[in-house]
C-alpha atoms as a PDB file:
ATOM      1  CA  MET A   1      44.822-100.159  40.340  1.00  0.00           C
ATOM      2  CA  ASP A   2      42.278 -97.373  40.971  1.00  0.00           C
ATOM      3  CA  ARG A   3      41.053 -97.979  44.517  1.00  0.00           C
ATOM      4  CA  SER A   4      37.880 -95.991  43.854  1.00  0.00           C
ATOM      5  CA  HIS A   5      36.738 -98.992  41.819  1.00  0.00           C
ATOM      6  CA  ILE A   6      37.537-101.479  44.597  1.00  0.00           C
ATOM      7  CA  PHE A   7      35.907-100.115  47.738  1.00  0.00           C
ATOM      8  CA  THR A   8      32.202 -99.433  48.098  1.00  0.00           C
ATOM      9  CA  TYR A   9      32.938 -96.581  50.508  1.00  0.00           C
ATOM     10  CA  ASP A  10      36.010 -94.804  51.826  1.00  0.00           C
ATOM     11  CA  LEU A  11      38.025 -96.386  54.594  1.00  0.00           C
ATOM     12  CA  PRO A  12      37.552 -94.436  57.841  1.00  0.00           C
ATOM     13  CA  ARG A  13      40.011 -91.695  58.685  1.00  0.00           C
ATOM     14  CA  HIS A  14      40.436 -89.785  61.921  1.00  0.00           C
ATOM     15  CA  ARG A  15      43.222 -88.047  63.774  1.00  0.00           C
ATOM     16  CA  ILE A  16      45.409 -90.603  65.576  1.00  0.00           C
ATOM     17  CA  THR A  17      46.811 -89.058  68.752  1.00  0.00           C
ATOM     18  CA  SER A  18      47.497 -91.938  71.156  1.00  0.00           C
ATOM     19  CA  ASP A  19      48.188 -95.652  71.409  1.00  0.00           C
ATOM     20  CA  LEU A  20      44.931 -97.597  71.176  1.00  0.00           C
ATOM     21  CA  SER A  21      44.075-101.228  70.594  1.00  0.00           C
ATOM     22  CA  GLU A  22      40.490-102.481  70.640  1.00  0.00           C
ATOM     23  CA  GLN A  23      40.533-106.251  70.593  1.00  0.00           C
ATOM     24  CA  VAL A  24      38.731-109.521  71.172  1.00  0.00           C
ATOM     25  CA  GLY A  25      40.611-112.684  72.141  1.00  0.00           C
ATOM     26  CA  ASP A  26      39.553-116.208  73.037  1.00  0.00           C
ATOM     27  CA  ASP A  27      41.165-115.863  76.475  1.00  0.00           C
ATOM     28  CA  ASN A  28      38.544-113.296  77.524  1.00  0.00           C
ATOM     29  CA  PRO A  29      35.104-114.672  78.558  1.00  0.00           C
ATOM     30  CA  LEU A  30      33.481-111.309  77.793  1.00  0.00           C
ATOM     31  CA  ALA A  31      34.910-111.427  74.276  1.00  0.00           C
ATOM     32  CA  VAL A  32      33.656-114.982  73.787  1.00  0.00           C
ATOM     33  CA  GLU A  33      30.113-113.735  74.270  1.00  0.00           C
ATOM     34  CA  VAL A  34      30.265-111.440  71.244  1.00  0.00           C
ATOM     35  CA  ALA A  35      32.868-113.118  69.011  1.00  0.00           C
ATOM     36  CA  LYS A  36      32.421-116.831  69.678  1.00  0.00           C
ATOM     37  CA  PRO A  37      31.961-117.703  65.959  1.00  0.00           C
ATOM     38  CA  LEU A  38      35.473-116.348  65.361  1.00  0.00           C
ATOM     39  CA  PHE A  39      36.997-118.435  68.128  1.00  0.00           C
ATOM     40  CA  ASP A  40      35.058-121.561  67.091  1.00  0.00           C
ATOM     41  CA  ALA A  41      36.681-121.251  63.648  1.00  0.00           C
ATOM     42  CA  GLY A  42      40.189-120.918  65.085  1.00  0.00           C
ATOM     43  CA  ILE A  43      40.482-117.117  64.833  1.00  0.00           C
ATOM     44  CA  ASN A  44      41.824-116.486  68.321  1.00  0.00           C
ATOM     45  CA  PHE A  45      42.486-112.736  68.205  1.00  0.00           C
ATOM     46  CA  ALA A  46      41.215-109.744  66.222  1.00  0.00           C
ATOM     47  CA  ALA A  47      42.000-106.081  66.844  1.00  0.00           C
ATOM     48  CA  ILE A  48      41.883-102.583  65.416  1.00  0.00           C
ATOM     49  CA  THR A  49      45.138-100.960  66.535  1.00  0.00           C
ATOM     50  CA  GLU A  50      46.508 -97.467  66.071  1.00  0.00           C
ATOM     51  CA  ARG A  51      49.746 -95.710  67.008  1.00  0.00           C
ATOM     52  CA  PRO A  52      50.978 -92.096  66.510  1.00  0.00           C
ATOM     53  CA  GLU A  53      54.231 -93.846  65.546  1.00  0.00           C
ATOM     54  CA  PHE A  54      54.926 -97.559  65.210  1.00  0.00           C
ATOM     55  CA  LEU A  55      58.567 -98.602  65.016  1.00  0.00           C
ATOM     56  CA  CYS A  56      59.271-102.246  65.763  1.00  0.00           C
ATOM     57  CA  ASN A  57      62.064-104.793  65.427  1.00  0.00           C
ATOM     58  CA  ASP A  58      60.289-107.975  66.572  1.00  0.00           C
ATOM     59  CA  PHE A  59      61.582-110.237  63.797  1.00  0.00           C
ATOM     60  CA  TRP A  60      60.344-113.656  64.913  1.00  0.00           C
ATOM     61  CA  ALA A  61      58.176-116.572  63.835  1.00  0.00           C
ATOM     62  CA  ARG A  62      54.680-116.711  65.275  1.00  0.00           C
ATOM     63  CA  SER A  63      52.947-120.022  65.935  1.00  0.00           C
ATOM     64  CA  TRP A  64      49.772-118.684  64.323  1.00  0.00           C
ATOM     65  CA  HIS A  65      48.771-117.340  60.891  1.00  0.00           C
ATOM     66  CA  THR A  66      48.665-113.525  60.723  1.00  0.00           C
ATOM     67  CA  PHE A  67      46.554-111.148  58.637  1.00  0.00           C
ATOM     68  CA  ILE A  68      47.268-107.408  58.635  1.00  0.00           C
ATOM     69  CA  LEU A  69      45.007-104.877  56.891  1.00  0.00           C
ATOM     70  CA  ILE A  70      46.164-101.252  56.743  1.00  0.00           C
ATOM     71  CA  ILE A  71      43.473 -98.635  57.453  1.00  0.00           C
ATOM     72  CA  GLN A  72      45.593 -95.467  57.676  1.00  0.00           C
ATOM     73  CA  GLY A  73      49.274 -94.771  57.108  1.00  0.00           C
ATOM     74  CA  GLN A  74      51.967 -97.086  55.776  1.00  0.00           C
ATOM     75  CA  MET A  75      53.614-100.241  57.081  1.00  0.00           C
ATOM     76  CA  HIS A  76      56.569-102.331  55.925  1.00  0.00           C
ATOM     77  CA  VAL A  77      56.311-106.086  56.433  1.00  0.00           C
ATOM     78  CA  SER A  78      59.596-107.934  56.012  1.00  0.00           C
ATOM     79  CA  THR A  79      60.251-111.660  55.759  1.00  0.00           C
ATOM     80  CA  ILE A  80      63.601-113.298  55.159  1.00  0.00           C
ATOM     81  CA  GLY A  81      64.913-111.738  51.950  1.00  0.00           C
ATOM     82  CA  GLU A  82      61.815-109.706  51.039  1.00  0.00           C
ATOM     83  CA  THR A  83      60.033-106.515  52.191  1.00  0.00           C
ATOM     84  CA  PHE A  84      56.492-105.482  51.304  1.00  0.00           C
ATOM     85  CA  ALA A  85      55.299-101.847  51.469  1.00  0.00           C
ATOM     86  CA  LEU A  86      51.654-101.553  52.489  1.00  0.00           C
ATOM     87  CA  SER A  87      49.305 -98.558  52.414  1.00  0.00           C
ATOM     88  CA  ALA A  88      45.607 -98.081  53.204  1.00  0.00           C
ATOM     89  CA  GLY A  89      43.528-100.922  51.778  1.00  0.00           C
ATOM     90  CA  ASP A  90      46.435-103.396  51.475  1.00  0.00           C
ATOM     91  CA  LEU A  91      46.265-106.842  53.063  1.00  0.00           C
ATOM     92  CA  ALA A  92      49.340-108.788  54.206  1.00  0.00           C
ATOM     93  CA  PHE A  93      49.455-112.440  55.212  1.00  0.00           C
ATOM     94  CA  CYS A  94      52.199-114.443  56.900  1.00  0.00           C
ATOM     95  CA  PRO A  95      51.729-118.152  57.644  1.00  0.00           C
ATOM     96  CA  ALA A  96      52.568-119.744  60.966  1.00  0.00           C
ATOM     97  CA  GLY A  97      56.253-120.506  61.450  1.00  0.00           C
ATOM     98  CA  VAL A  98      57.579-117.869  59.030  1.00  0.00           C
ATOM     99  CA  PRO A  99      59.615-115.103  60.722  1.00  0.00           C
ATOM    100  CA  TYR A 100      58.516-111.582  59.870  1.00  0.00           C
ATOM    101  CA  LEU A 101      58.936-107.975  60.980  1.00  0.00           C
ATOM    102  CA  ARG A 102      56.301-105.241  60.779  1.00  0.00           C
ATOM    103  CA  THR A 103      57.032-101.551  61.261  1.00  0.00           C
ATOM    104  CA  GLY A 104      55.653 -98.157  60.329  1.00  0.00           C
ATOM    105  CA  LEU A 105      57.451 -95.010  59.172  1.00  0.00           C
ATOM    106  CA  PRO A 106      59.127 -92.581  61.586  1.00  0.00           C
ATOM    107  CA  GLY A 107      56.730 -89.884  62.762  1.00  0.00           C
ATOM    108  CA  GLN A 108      53.783 -91.263  60.791  1.00  0.00           C
ATOM    109  CA  PRO A 109      50.496 -92.344  62.457  1.00  0.00           C
ATOM    110  CA  LEU A 110      49.346 -95.842  61.613  1.00  0.00           C
ATOM    111  CA  GLN A 111      46.071 -97.749  62.011  1.00  0.00           C
ATOM    112  CA  TRP A 112      45.585-101.374  61.091  1.00  0.00           C
ATOM    113  CA  ILE A 113      43.523-104.528  61.648  1.00  0.00           C
ATOM    114  CA  TYR A 114      45.460-107.396  63.190  1.00  0.00           C
ATOM    115  CA  ILE A 115      44.096-110.978  63.092  1.00  0.00           C
ATOM    116  CA  TRP A 116      45.618-114.230  64.407  1.00  0.00           C
ATOM    117  CA  ILE A 117      44.433-117.667  63.284  1.00  0.00           C
ATOM    118  CA  ASP A 118      45.333-120.938  64.975  1.00  0.00           C
ATOM    119  CA  ASP A 119      47.506-123.302  62.955  1.00  0.00           C
ATOM    120  CA  ILE A 120      44.817-126.002  62.660  1.00  0.00           C
ATOM    121  CA  PRO A 121      43.841-128.299  59.743  1.00  0.00           C
ATOM    122  CA  ALA A 122      40.901-126.107  58.681  1.00  0.00           C
ATOM    123  CA  TRP A 123      43.348-123.344  57.686  1.00  0.00           C
ATOM    124  CA  GLU A 124      46.134-125.618  56.422  1.00  0.00           C
ATOM    125  CA  PRO A 125      45.863-124.446  52.752  1.00  0.00           C
ATOM    126  CA  LEU A 126      47.033-120.982  53.833  1.00  0.00           C
ATOM    127  CA  LYS A 127      50.520-122.406  54.332  1.00  0.00           C
ATOM    128  CA  GLN A 128      50.777-123.044  50.599  1.00  0.00           C
ATOM    129  CA  LEU A 129      50.477-119.341  49.887  1.00  0.00           C
ATOM    130  CA  GLY A 130      53.530-118.223  51.820  1.00  0.00           C
ATOM    131  CA  PRO A 131      53.807-114.535  52.747  1.00  0.00           C
ATOM    132  CA  TYR A 132      51.928-112.240  50.370  1.00  0.00           C
ATOM    133  CA  THR A 133      50.335-108.804  50.080  1.00  0.00           C
ATOM    134  CA  ARG A 134      47.616-107.492  47.809  1.00  0.00           C
ATOM    135  CA  PRO A 135      45.074-104.667  47.498  1.00  0.00           C
ATOM    136  CA  TYR A 136      42.117-106.073  49.414  1.00  0.00           C
ATOM    137  CA  GLU A 137      38.764-105.751  47.687  1.00  0.00           C
ATOM    138  CA  SER A 138      36.864-106.212  50.962  1.00  0.00           C
ATOM    139  CA  ALA A 139      38.888-103.828  53.133  1.00  0.00           C
ATOM    140  CA  ASP A 140      35.934-101.595  53.921  1.00  0.00           C
ATOM    141  CA  LEU A 141      33.682-104.561  54.685  1.00  0.00           C
ATOM    142  CA  LEU A 142      36.189-106.261  56.988  1.00  0.00           C
ATOM    143  CA  PHE A 143      36.666-103.006  58.911  1.00  0.00           C
ATOM    144  CA  LEU A 144      32.910-102.496  59.307  1.00  0.00           C
ATOM    145  CA  LEU A 145      32.288-106.075  60.461  1.00  0.00           C
ATOM    146  CA  LEU A 146      35.070-106.005  63.041  1.00  0.00           C
ATOM    147  CA  ARG A 147      33.971-102.516  64.172  1.00  0.00           C
ATOM    148  CA  ARG A 148      30.503-103.923  64.961  1.00  0.00           C
ATOM    149  CA  VAL A 149      31.981-106.812  66.947  1.00  0.00           C
ATOM    150  CA  LEU A 150      34.251-104.497  68.943  1.00  0.00           C
ATOM    151  CA  ASP A 151      31.366-102.098  69.649  1.00  0.00           C
ATOM    152  CA  ALA A 152      29.271-104.965  71.012  1.00  0.00           C
ATOM    153  CA  HIS A 153      32.199-106.068  73.160  1.00  0.00           C
ATOM    154  CA  ARG A 154      32.670-102.558  74.517  1.00  0.00           C
ATOM    155  CA  PHE A 155      29.073-101.510  75.205  1.00  0.00           C
ATOM    156  CA  ARG A 156      27.615-104.929  76.166  1.00  0.00           C
ATOM    157  CA  GLY A 157      24.129-104.082  74.878  1.00  0.00           C
ATOM    158  CA  ALA A 158      21.980-107.207  74.760  1.00  0.00           C
ATOM    159  CA  GLU A 159      20.453-106.044  71.477  1.00  0.00           C
ATOM    160  CA  MET A 160      23.955-105.872  69.948  1.00  0.00           C
ATOM    161  CA  MET A 161      24.826-109.533  70.546  1.00  0.00           C
ATOM    162  CA  PRO A 162      22.917-111.095  67.603  1.00  0.00           C
ATOM    163  CA  LEU A 163      24.457-108.561  65.192  1.00  0.00           C
ATOM    164  CA  ALA A 164      27.937-109.231  66.621  1.00  0.00           C
ATOM    165  CA  HIS A 165      27.486-112.973  66.056  1.00  0.00           C
ATOM    166  CA  TYR A 166      26.335-112.372  62.487  1.00  0.00           C
ATOM    167  CA  CYS A 167      29.326-110.108  61.846  1.00  0.00           C
ATOM    168  CA  SER A 168      31.678-112.694  63.361  1.00  0.00           C
ATOM    169  CA  HIS A 169      30.370-115.345  60.973  1.00  0.00           C
ATOM    170  CA  ALA A 170      30.846-112.941  58.063  1.00  0.00           C
ATOM    171  CA  ILE A 171      34.469-112.275  59.090  1.00  0.00           C
ATOM    172  CA  VAL A 172      35.140-116.025  59.107  1.00  0.00           C
ATOM    173  CA  ASP A 173      33.635-116.331  55.623  1.00  0.00           C
ATOM    174  CA  LEU A 174      35.748-113.446  54.309  1.00  0.00           C
ATOM    175  CA  LEU A 175      38.974-114.935  55.627  1.00  0.00           C
ATOM    176  CA  ARG A 176      38.118-118.393  54.335  1.00  0.00           C
ATOM    177  CA  GLN A 177      37.969-116.912  50.864  1.00  0.00           C
ATOM    178  CA  GLU A 178      41.727-116.385  51.104  1.00  0.00           C
ATOM    179  CA  ILE A 179      42.071-120.180  50.946  1.00  0.00           C
ATOM    180  CA  MET A 180      40.894-119.949  47.346  1.00  0.00           C
ATOM    181  CA  LEU A 181      44.133-118.130  46.499  1.00  0.00           C
ATOM    182  CA  ALA A 182      45.981-121.367  47.194  1.00  0.00           C
ATOM    183  CA  GLY A 183      44.197-122.954  44.259  1.00  0.00           C
ATOM    184  CA  ARG A 184      42.267-125.304  46.525  1.00  0.00           C
ATOM    185  CA  PRO A 185      38.501-125.213  46.980  1.00  0.00           C
ATOM    186  CA  LEU A 186      36.966-125.079  50.409  1.00  0.00           C
ATOM    187  CA  HIS A 187      36.382-128.391  52.155  1.00  0.00           C
ATOM    188  CA  PRO A 188      33.480-130.180  50.367  1.00  0.00           C
ATOM    189  CA  TYR A 189      31.565-130.250  53.638  1.00  0.00           C
ATOM    190  CA  SER A 190      32.128-126.571  54.449  1.00  0.00           C
ATOM    191  CA  VAL A 191      28.735-125.389  53.158  1.00  0.00           C
ATOM    192  CA  PRO A 192      26.592-128.126  54.775  1.00  0.00           C
ATOM    193  CA  MET A 193      28.675-127.781  57.947  1.00  0.00           C
ATOM    194  CA  HIS A 194      28.015-124.036  57.958  1.00  0.00           C
ATOM    195  CA  LEU A 195      24.263-124.684  57.687  1.00  0.00           C
ATOM    196  CA  LEU A 196      24.418-127.304  60.435  1.00  0.00           C
ATOM    197  CA  MET A 197      26.392-124.961  62.703  1.00  0.00           C
ATOM    198  CA  SER A 198      23.852-122.199  62.061  1.00  0.00           C
ATOM    199  CA  ASP A 199      21.042-124.490  63.242  1.00  0.00           C
ATOM    200  CA  ILE A 200      23.015-125.575  66.313  1.00  0.00           C
ATOM    201  CA  GLN A 201      23.671-121.940  67.228  1.00  0.00           C
ATOM    202  CA  GLN A 202      20.022-120.995  66.789  1.00  0.00           C
ATOM    203  CA  ASN A 203      18.672-124.068  68.568  1.00  0.00           C
ATOM    204  CA  PRO A 204      21.361-125.261  71.016  1.00  0.00           C
ATOM    205  CA  GLY A 205      18.798-126.976  73.261  1.00  0.00           C
ATOM    206  CA  THR A 206      17.911-129.515  70.564  1.00  0.00           C
ATOM    207  CA  ASN A 207      19.114-133.064  71.212  1.00  0.00           C
ATOM    208  CA  TRP A 208      22.103-132.792  68.871  1.00  0.00           C
ATOM    209  CA  THR A 209      23.374-136.365  68.993  1.00  0.00           C
ATOM    210  CA  PRO A 210      26.291-137.435  66.785  1.00  0.00           C
ATOM    211  CA  ALA A 211      23.913-139.788  64.991  1.00  0.00           C
ATOM    212  CA  ALA A 212      21.503-136.943  64.172  1.00  0.00           C
ATOM    213  CA  MET A 213      24.277-134.678  62.953  1.00  0.00           C
ATOM    214  CA  ALA A 214      25.857-137.456  60.876  1.00  0.00           C
ATOM    215  CA  LYS A 215      22.488-138.127  59.259  1.00  0.00           C
ATOM    216  CA  ARG A 216      22.135-134.433  58.500  1.00  0.00           C
ATOM    217  CA  LEU A 217      25.445-134.480  56.593  1.00  0.00           C
ATOM    218  CA  ASN A 218      24.802-137.938  55.141  1.00  0.00           C
ATOM    219  CA  VAL A 219      28.050-139.310  56.572  1.00  0.00           C
ATOM    220  CA  SER A 220      29.040-141.905  59.150  1.00  0.00           C
ATOM    221  CA  GLU A 221      29.606-140.864  62.760  1.00  0.00           C
ATOM    222  CA  ARG A 222      33.315-141.590  62.370  1.00  0.00           C
ATOM    223  CA  LYS A 223      33.419-139.298  59.339  1.00  0.00           C
ATOM    224  CA  LEU A 224      31.480-136.666  61.304  1.00  0.00           C
ATOM    225  CA  TYR A 225      34.151-136.625  64.026  1.00  0.00           C
ATOM    226  CA  ARG A 226      36.882-136.207  61.409  1.00  0.00           C
ATOM    227  CA  ILE A 227      35.032-133.316  59.757  1.00  0.00           C
ATOM    228  CA  PHE A 228      34.493-131.502  63.068  1.00  0.00           C
ATOM    229  CA  ASN A 229      38.115-131.939  64.077  1.00  0.00           C
ATOM    230  CA  SER A 230      39.265-130.691  60.688  1.00  0.00           C
ATOM    231  CA  GLU A 231      36.932-127.678  60.553  1.00  0.00           C
ATOM    232  CA  TYR A 232      36.810-126.664  64.219  1.00  0.00           C
ATOM    233  CA  GLY A 233      39.473-128.628  66.086  1.00  0.00           C
ATOM    234  CA  MET A 234      36.952-130.219  68.450  1.00  0.00           C
ATOM    235  CA  SER A 235      34.377-133.016  68.645  1.00  0.00           C
ATOM    236  CA  PRO A 236      30.668-132.552  67.823  1.00  0.00           C
ATOM    237  CA  LYS A 237      29.786-132.879  71.520  1.00  0.00           C
ATOM    238  CA  GLU A 238      32.288-130.200  72.512  1.00  0.00           C
ATOM    239  CA  MET A 239      30.879-127.857  69.883  1.00  0.00           C
ATOM    240  CA  VAL A 240      27.301-128.344  71.090  1.00  0.00           C
ATOM    241  CA  ILE A 241      28.374-127.631  74.667  1.00  0.00           C
ATOM    242  CA  LYS A 242      30.136-124.429  73.552  1.00  0.00           C
ATOM    243  CA  GLN A 243      26.970-123.262  71.810  1.00  0.00           C
ATOM    244  CA  ARG A 244      24.836-124.035  74.839  1.00  0.00           C
ATOM    245  CA  ILE A 245      27.162-122.199  77.199  1.00  0.00           C
ATOM    246  CA  ALA A 246      27.146-119.216  74.854  1.00  0.00           C
ATOM    247  CA  ARG A 247      23.336-119.156  74.765  1.00  0.00           C
ATOM    248  CA  ALA A 248      23.198-119.523  78.542  1.00  0.00           C
ATOM    249  CA  SER A 249      25.586-116.561  78.880  1.00  0.00           C
ATOM    250  CA  GLU A 250      23.320-114.425  76.696  1.00  0.00           C
ATOM    251  CA  GLU A 251      20.208-115.409  78.664  1.00  0.00           C
ATOM    252  CA  LEU A 252      21.851-114.824  82.030  1.00  0.00           C
ATOM    253  CA  ALA A 253      23.206-111.422  81.022  1.00  0.00           C
ATOM    254  CA  GLY A 254      20.201-110.113  79.115  1.00  0.00           C
ATOM    255  CA  THR A 255      17.069-111.642  80.680  1.00  0.00           C
ATOM    256  CA  THR A 256      15.488-112.453  84.036  1.00  0.00           C
ATOM    257  CA  THR A 257      14.621-116.015  83.007  1.00  0.00           C
ATOM    258  CA  PRO A 258      15.130-118.347  85.998  1.00  0.00           C
ATOM    259  CA  ILE A 259      18.363-120.298  85.837  1.00  0.00           C
ATOM    260  CA  CYS A 260      16.502-123.601  86.138  1.00  0.00           C
ATOM    261  CA  ALA A 261      14.419-122.668  83.076  1.00  0.00           C
ATOM    262  CA  ILE A 262      17.543-121.762  81.083  1.00  0.00           C
ATOM    263  CA  SER A 263      19.107-125.077  82.066  1.00  0.00           C
ATOM    264  CA  GLU A 264      16.039-127.051  81.003  1.00  0.00           C
ATOM    265  CA  ALA A 265      15.672-125.163  77.704  1.00  0.00           C
ATOM    266  CA  LEU A 266      19.259-126.104  76.862  1.00  0.00           C
ATOM    267  CA  GLY A 267      18.601-129.789  77.419  1.00  0.00           C
ATOM    268  CA  TYR A 268      19.909-130.179  80.971  1.00  0.00           C
ATOM    269  CA  GLN A 269      17.468-131.751  83.409  1.00  0.00           C
ATOM    270  CA  SER A 270      19.865-131.365  86.341  1.00  0.00           C
ATOM    271  CA  LEU A 271      20.522-127.798  87.460  1.00  0.00           C
ATOM    272  CA  TYR A 272      23.532-129.077  89.402  1.00  0.00           C
ATOM    273  CA  SER A 273      25.096-130.579  86.268  1.00  0.00           C
ATOM    274  CA  PHE A 274      24.395-127.429  84.261  1.00  0.00           C
ATOM    275  CA  SER A 275      25.927-125.215  86.951  1.00  0.00           C
ATOM    276  CA  ASN A 276      29.080-127.341  87.080  1.00  0.00           C
ATOM    277  CA  LEU A 277      29.387-127.298  83.284  1.00  0.00           C
ATOM    278  CA  PHE A 278      28.912-123.527  83.160  1.00  0.00           C
ATOM    279  CA  MET A 279      31.530-123.109  85.873  1.00  0.00           C
ATOM    280  CA  LYS A 280      33.974-125.279  83.937  1.00  0.00           C
ATOM    281  CA  HIS A 281      33.661-123.193  80.770  1.00  0.00           C
ATOM    282  CA  THR A 282      33.367-119.659  82.177  1.00  0.00           C
ATOM    283  CA  GLY A 283      34.985-119.852  85.602  1.00  0.00           C
ATOM    284  CA  MET A 284      31.770-118.618  87.259  1.00  0.00           C
ATOM    285  CA  ARG A 285      28.524-120.085  88.579  1.00  0.00           C
ATOM    286  CA  PRO A 286      25.423-119.008  86.606  1.00  0.00           C
ATOM    287  CA  SER A 287      24.118-116.912  89.503  1.00  0.00           C
ATOM    288  CA  ALA A 288      27.437-115.096  89.903  1.00  0.00           C
ATOM    289  CA  TYR A 289      27.609-114.513  86.149  1.00  0.00           C
ATOM    290  CA  ARG A 290      24.122-112.960  86.141  1.00  0.00           C
ATOM    291  CA  ASN A 291      24.906-110.753  89.140  1.00  0.00           C
ATOM    292  CA  ARG A 292      27.867-109.283  87.280  1.00  0.00           C
ATOM    293  CA  PHE A 293      25.511-107.712  84.737  1.00  0.00           C
ATOM    294  CA  ARG A 294      23.003-106.272  87.203  1.00  0.00           C
END
């Protein structure tokens, strides 16, 4: 297939001279600030990695789903009984629990995107696909979106955060399209849930009760809990709290708004309760978190 008819612009190329991995993971509070939409969807790690030479023999089964997109160079991905040869613009997928080995060619520089996804119900259809590779029609777009997220994580500019969140949502949408390869449509509530989540993220201080959210989706509260657990692996209340903590983190890092005002705007009348909740989710008091960015 002529790749000039697939990509809207050329994949980036530069001279690879050293080991480098730029990454965001859900175990890093600073990464959560810029890539929270990824982590909310179960994408727990995303990186752009490069090596002057990448030779590996780690043939083992991961407990997470893995996507690999080659940017420069060549990589061989082997599963039991089969080996796939990948070059720039090729996507490889291996579901959780399937042993695989990835390695480059001797003496050849290699750059790739590496993404891990939790083995949760929302991504269950991926298991039907088994390991596969294919020329990826959105290779350039995925690289650009992740590049924006990593830049925001690195430079910490307050003006970069909204763009990073938008890009994170777009990455989730791109990867969810892979579910279509399994011959199964997205969850029937995926679109209305996406719209609901967008409103929660934009207005986390609203009184988002389970009853209000269930009414929004035209389902029972019991059904609402099942949908949230299936899509995000958490309850509606837990999701609202995550969005509020994320907004509080942005306000504390990028503004001089008094902490009591931030707490009240997010629906917490007690500053003490808000401070304890923030501490629980970030490991820091709001005042200490703000001081870190001064």
